[in-house]
Amino acid sequence: MLNLLYILLQFGPPDPDDWGDPDELPISDNIWILVAFLLLLSVYKIYTNYKSNKSINSSN
């Protein structure tokens, strides 16, 4: 594992000229909105599942 990390650190980040135009994002804004929505939905589902399991366990 350390050998792989050492190999990756040898290359380093690309030159700033190779990063491309920051306005030209590889992923469109709609995808970021979708990802944020799905992340919030998953957190909500986990929270409600935890809350319902906690209430079931406390009633027993």
Protein backbone atom coordinates (compact mmCIF):
# COMPACT_ATOMS: atom_id res chain seq x y z
CA MET A 1 0.00 0.00 0.00
CA LEU A 2 2.79 2.40 0.83
CA ASN A 3 4.47 1.59 -2.46
CA LEU A 4 1.32 2.57 -4.35
CA LEU A 5 1.07 5.80 -2.37
CA TYR A 6 4.72 6.54 -3.04
CA ILE A 7 4.22 5.97 -6.77
CA LEU A 8 1.18 8.26 -6.85
CA LEU A 9 3.02 10.99 -4.95
CA GLN A 10 5.85 10.91 -7.48
CA PHE A 11 3.56 12.28 -10.19
CA GLY A 12 1.95 15.10 -8.21
CA PRO A 13 -0.87 17.31 -9.44
CA PRO A 14 -0.98 18.36 -13.09
CA ASP A 15 0.36 21.72 -14.18
CA PRO A 16 -2.18 24.56 -13.88
CA ASP A 17 -2.17 24.92 -17.67
CA ASP A 18 -3.47 21.37 -18.02
CA TRP A 19 -6.48 21.90 -15.75
CA GLY A 20 -8.57 23.42 -18.49
CA ASP A 21 -11.08 26.22 -18.34
CA PRO A 22 -12.81 26.38 -14.93
CA ASP A 23 -16.02 27.51 -16.63
CA GLU A 24 -16.07 24.29 -18.65
CA LEU A 25 -17.07 21.85 -15.94
CA PRO A 26 -17.01 18.20 -16.94
CA ILE A 27 -20.32 17.70 -15.11
CA SER A 28 -23.25 20.02 -15.76
CA ASP A 29 -24.99 21.94 -12.99
CA ASN A 30 -28.08 19.73 -13.25
CA ILE A 31 -26.05 16.68 -12.29
CA TRP A 32 -24.69 18.48 -9.21
CA ILE A 33 -28.24 19.38 -8.18
CA LEU A 34 -29.29 15.75 -8.65
CA VAL A 35 -26.34 14.49 -6.60
CA ALA A 36 -27.08 16.98 -3.80
CA PHE A 37 -30.76 15.99 -3.80
CA LEU A 38 -29.96 12.27 -3.65
CA LEU A 39 -27.47 12.86 -0.85
CA LEU A 40 -30.03 14.79 1.19
CA LEU A 41 -32.65 12.14 0.48
CA SER A 42 -30.36 9.36 1.64
CA VAL A 43 -29.53 11.23 4.86
CA TYR A 44 -33.25 11.78 5.46
CA LYS A 45 -34.03 8.10 4.85
CA ILE A 46 -31.24 6.97 7.18
CA TYR A 47 -32.44 9.39 9.88
CA THR A 48 -36.08 8.33 9.66
CA ASN A 49 -35.10 4.65 9.62
CA TYR A 50 -32.92 5.19 12.70
CA LYS A 51 -35.70 7.13 14.42
CA SER A 52 -38.32 4.44 13.71
CA ASN A 53 -36.00 1.65 14.86
CA LYS A 54 -35.26 3.56 18.05
CA SER A 55 -38.97 3.98 18.81
CA ILE A 56 -39.63 0.28 18.11
CA ASN A 57 -36.80 -0.79 20.41
CA SER A 58 -37.90 1.53 23.21
CA SER A 59 -41.48 0.18 23.15
CA ASN A 60 -40.32 -3.41 23.68
